[in-house]
Amino acid sequence: MNGLYTIILLILSNVFMTLAWYGHLRLQQSGVSNHWPLLGVIAFSWGIAFFEYCCQVPANRMGFEGNGGPFNLVQLKVIQECISLAVFAVIANIMFQHQNLHWNHLLAFLLIICAVYLVFMK
């Protein structure tokens, strides 16, 4: 069960991370944050990133084998990166609709899945 909770928390964490890192660009495109000072944009992003950490830290603690979870450190990191790229692709496509995925992106995702497989091989 810890593995499932870890994956769910990592997905939530990456949604917040992507919004924190790239959401301000969408706000700028829509004109909402055009006149915000850089420190205001940073504070806005940090506010969102707080929720990322509220999900990321428990996910890593719960999922780590040293705390009774099913994953070693390398596996946790590879899972996180795979989720991060998948979440980014979905959110970027929703927020920035002119950013379409192409064959090379899909191939890259396939290779990432291969990396996950290799990390879990005994």
C-alpha atoms as a PDB file:
ATOM      1  CA  MET A   1       0.000   0.000   0.000  1.00  0.00           C
ATOM      2  CA  ASN A   2       2.939   2.351   0.700  1.00  0.00           C
ATOM      3  CA  GLY A   3       3.974   2.027  -2.935  1.00  0.00           C
ATOM      4  CA  LEU A   4       0.567   3.168  -4.165  1.00  0.00           C
ATOM      5  CA  TYR A   5       0.447   6.089  -1.717  1.00  0.00           C
ATOM      6  CA  THR A   6       3.955   7.049  -2.797  1.00  0.00           C
ATOM      7  CA  ILE A   7       2.947   7.134  -6.473  1.00  0.00           C
ATOM      8  CA  ILE A   8      -0.206   9.174  -5.741  1.00  0.00           C
ATOM      9  CA  LEU A   9       1.724  11.692  -3.637  1.00  0.00           C
ATOM     10  CA  LEU A  10       4.431  11.942  -6.302  1.00  0.00           C
ATOM     11  CA  ILE A  11       1.799  12.700  -8.939  1.00  0.00           C
ATOM     12  CA  LEU A  12       0.270  15.429  -6.740  1.00  0.00           C
ATOM     13  CA  SER A  13       3.713  16.778  -5.950  1.00  0.00           C
ATOM     14  CA  ASN A  14       4.587  17.032  -9.618  1.00  0.00           C
ATOM     15  CA  VAL A  15       1.318  18.789 -10.443  1.00  0.00           C
ATOM     16  CA  PHE A  16       2.199  21.469  -7.871  1.00  0.00           C
ATOM     17  CA  MET A  17       5.819  21.574  -9.047  1.00  0.00           C
ATOM     18  CA  THR A  18       4.835  22.090 -12.671  1.00  0.00           C
ATOM     19  CA  LEU A  19       2.354  24.811 -11.725  1.00  0.00           C
ATOM     20  CA  ALA A  20       4.975  26.511  -9.553  1.00  0.00           C
ATOM     21  CA  TRP A  21       7.685  26.384 -12.213  1.00  0.00           C
ATOM     22  CA  TYR A  22       5.587  27.203 -15.286  1.00  0.00           C
ATOM     23  CA  GLY A  23       2.243  28.584 -14.080  1.00  0.00           C
ATOM     24  CA  HIS A  24       3.608  32.113 -13.824  1.00  0.00           C
ATOM     25  CA  LEU A  25       4.402  31.995 -17.544  1.00  0.00           C
ATOM     26  CA  ARG A  26       0.738  31.290 -18.272  1.00  0.00           C
ATOM     27  CA  LEU A  27      -0.276  34.135 -15.951  1.00  0.00           C
ATOM     28  CA  GLN A  28       2.083  36.404 -17.852  1.00  0.00           C
ATOM     29  CA  GLN A  29       0.626  35.318 -21.195  1.00  0.00           C
ATOM     30  CA  SER A  30      -2.881  36.081 -19.946  1.00  0.00           C
ATOM     31  CA  GLY A  31      -1.770  39.505 -18.684  1.00  0.00           C
ATOM     32  CA  VAL A  32      -2.428  38.774 -14.996  1.00  0.00           C
ATOM     33  CA  SER A  33       1.187  39.054 -13.848  1.00  0.00           C
ATOM     34  CA  ASN A  34       2.637  41.385 -16.467  1.00  0.00           C
ATOM     35  CA  HIS A  35       3.377  44.093 -13.934  1.00  0.00           C
ATOM     36  CA  TRP A  36       4.402  41.903 -11.017  1.00  0.00           C
ATOM     37  CA  PRO A  37       7.969  42.448  -9.828  1.00  0.00           C
ATOM     38  CA  LEU A  38      10.257  39.427 -10.105  1.00  0.00           C
ATOM     39  CA  LEU A  39      10.158  38.966  -6.320  1.00  0.00           C
ATOM     40  CA  GLY A  40       6.359  38.806  -6.515  1.00  0.00           C
ATOM     41  CA  VAL A  41       6.539  36.081  -9.151  1.00  0.00           C
ATOM     42  CA  ILE A  42       9.083  34.183  -7.042  1.00  0.00           C
ATOM     43  CA  ALA A  43       6.883  34.481  -3.923  1.00  0.00           C
ATOM     44  CA  PHE A  44       3.875  33.281  -5.916  1.00  0.00           C
ATOM     45  CA  SER A  45       5.827  30.247  -7.151  1.00  0.00           C
ATOM     46  CA  TRP A  46       7.152  29.504  -3.660  1.00  0.00           C
ATOM     47  CA  GLY A  47       3.595  29.546  -2.349  1.00  0.00           C
ATOM     48  CA  ILE A  48       2.669  26.817  -4.804  1.00  0.00           C
ATOM     49  CA  ALA A  49       5.942  24.931  -4.227  1.00  0.00           C
ATOM     50  CA  PHE A  50       5.086  24.676  -0.512  1.00  0.00           C
ATOM     51  CA  PHE A  51       2.320  22.226  -1.444  1.00  0.00           C
ATOM     52  CA  GLU A  52       4.756  20.337  -3.673  1.00  0.00           C
ATOM     53  CA  TYR A  53       6.978  19.712  -0.657  1.00  0.00           C
ATOM     54  CA  CYS A  54       3.957  18.758   1.459  1.00  0.00           C
ATOM     55  CA  CYS A  55       3.455  15.860  -0.969  1.00  0.00           C
ATOM     56  CA  GLN A  56       7.038  15.108  -2.045  1.00  0.00           C
ATOM     57  CA  VAL A  57       8.607  14.680   1.384  1.00  0.00           C
ATOM     58  CA  PRO A  58       5.978  12.234   2.713  1.00  0.00           C
ATOM     59  CA  ALA A  59       6.072  10.332  -0.603  1.00  0.00           C
ATOM     60  CA  ASN A  60       9.819   9.807  -0.306  1.00  0.00           C
ATOM     61  CA  ARG A  61       9.672   8.909   3.383  1.00  0.00           C
ATOM     62  CA  MET A  62       6.781   6.492   2.870  1.00  0.00           C
ATOM     63  CA  GLY A  63       8.205   4.924  -0.281  1.00  0.00           C
ATOM     64  CA  PHE A  64      11.801   4.502   0.870  1.00  0.00           C
ATOM     65  CA  GLU A  65      12.746   0.940   1.814  1.00  0.00           C
ATOM     66  CA  GLY A  66      14.625   2.218   4.886  1.00  0.00           C
ATOM     67  CA  ASN A  67      11.256   3.359   6.246  1.00  0.00           C
ATOM     68  CA  GLY A  68       9.369   0.207   5.322  1.00  0.00           C
ATOM     69  CA  GLY A  69       8.526   1.263   1.769  1.00  0.00           C
ATOM     70  CA  PRO A  70       9.022  -0.802  -1.364  1.00  0.00           C
ATOM     71  CA  PHE A  71      11.550   1.396  -3.224  1.00  0.00           C
ATOM     72  CA  ASN A  72      15.263   2.028  -2.922  1.00  0.00           C
ATOM     73  CA  LEU A  73      16.612   5.549  -3.435  1.00  0.00           C
ATOM     74  CA  VAL A  74      17.445   5.107  -7.134  1.00  0.00           C
ATOM     75  CA  GLN A  75      14.023   3.622  -7.851  1.00  0.00           C
ATOM     76  CA  LEU A  76      12.310   6.522  -6.067  1.00  0.00           C
ATOM     77  CA  LYS A  77      14.234   9.047  -8.129  1.00  0.00           C
ATOM     78  CA  VAL A  78      13.565   7.338 -11.470  1.00  0.00           C
ATOM     79  CA  ILE A  79       9.853   6.994 -10.644  1.00  0.00           C
ATOM     80  CA  GLN A  80       9.743  10.669  -9.689  1.00  0.00           C
ATOM     81  CA  GLU A  81      11.412  11.765 -12.923  1.00  0.00           C
ATOM     82  CA  CYS A  82       9.102   9.607 -15.034  1.00  0.00           C
ATOM     83  CA  ILE A  83       6.043  11.024 -13.286  1.00  0.00           C
ATOM     84  CA  SER A  84       7.474  14.534 -13.573  1.00  0.00           C
ATOM     85  CA  LEU A  85       7.817  14.314 -17.343  1.00  0.00           C
ATOM     86  CA  ALA A  86       4.378  12.757 -17.821  1.00  0.00           C
ATOM     87  CA  VAL A  87       2.692  15.377 -15.618  1.00  0.00           C
ATOM     88  CA  PHE A  88       4.600  18.152 -17.376  1.00  0.00           C
ATOM     89  CA  ALA A  89       3.487  16.892 -20.790  1.00  0.00           C
ATOM     90  CA  VAL A  90      -0.168  16.875 -19.736  1.00  0.00           C
ATOM     91  CA  ILE A  91      -0.125  20.239 -17.956  1.00  0.00           C
ATOM     92  CA  ALA A  92       1.931  21.959 -20.649  1.00  0.00           C
ATOM     93  CA  ASN A  93      -0.527  20.720 -23.241  1.00  0.00           C
ATOM     94  CA  ILE A  94      -3.461  22.055 -21.193  1.00  0.00           C
ATOM     95  CA  MET A  95      -1.894  25.378 -20.163  1.00  0.00           C
ATOM     96  CA  PHE A  96      -0.020  26.074 -23.383  1.00  0.00           C
ATOM     97  CA  GLN A  97      -2.266  24.444 -25.963  1.00  0.00           C
ATOM     98  CA  HIS A  98       0.043  25.199 -28.862  1.00  0.00           C
ATOM     99  CA  GLN A  99       2.663  22.850 -27.376  1.00  0.00           C
ATOM    100  CA  ASN A 100       1.892  19.552 -29.100  1.00  0.00           C
ATOM    101  CA  LEU A 101       3.667  16.260 -28.570  1.00  0.00           C
ATOM    102  CA  HIS A 102       5.482  14.798 -31.561  1.00  0.00           C
ATOM    103  CA  TRP A 103       6.883  11.353 -32.363  1.00  0.00           C
ATOM    104  CA  ASN A 104      10.244  12.161 -30.794  1.00  0.00           C
ATOM    105  CA  HIS A 105       8.558  13.114 -27.501  1.00  0.00           C
ATOM    106  CA  LEU A 106       6.654   9.839 -27.466  1.00  0.00           C
ATOM    107  CA  LEU A 107       9.864   7.936 -28.210  1.00  0.00           C
ATOM    108  CA  ALA A 108      11.585   9.773 -25.363  1.00  0.00           C
ATOM    109  CA  PHE A 109       8.770   8.724 -22.989  1.00  0.00           C
ATOM    110  CA  LEU A 110       9.143   5.137 -24.162  1.00  0.00           C
ATOM    111  CA  LEU A 111      12.872   5.270 -23.414  1.00  0.00           C
ATOM    112  CA  ILE A 112      12.123   6.667 -19.953  1.00  0.00           C
ATOM    113  CA  ILE A 113       9.811   3.722 -19.338  1.00  0.00           C
ATOM    114  CA  CYS A 114      12.695   1.476 -20.426  1.00  0.00           C
ATOM    115  CA  ALA A 115      14.889   3.247 -17.845  1.00  0.00           C
ATOM    116  CA  VAL A 116      12.317   2.523 -15.141  1.00  0.00           C
ATOM    117  CA  TYR A 117      12.288  -1.131 -16.177  1.00  0.00           C
ATOM    118  CA  LEU A 118      16.081  -1.294 -16.023  1.00  0.00           C
ATOM    119  CA  VAL A 119      16.200   0.281 -12.566  1.00  0.00           C
ATOM    120  CA  PHE A 120      13.783  -2.340 -11.241  1.00  0.00           C
ATOM    121  CA  MET A 121      15.653  -5.304 -12.782  1.00  0.00           C
ATOM    122  CA  LYS A 122      17.378  -7.549 -10.306  1.00  0.00           C
END
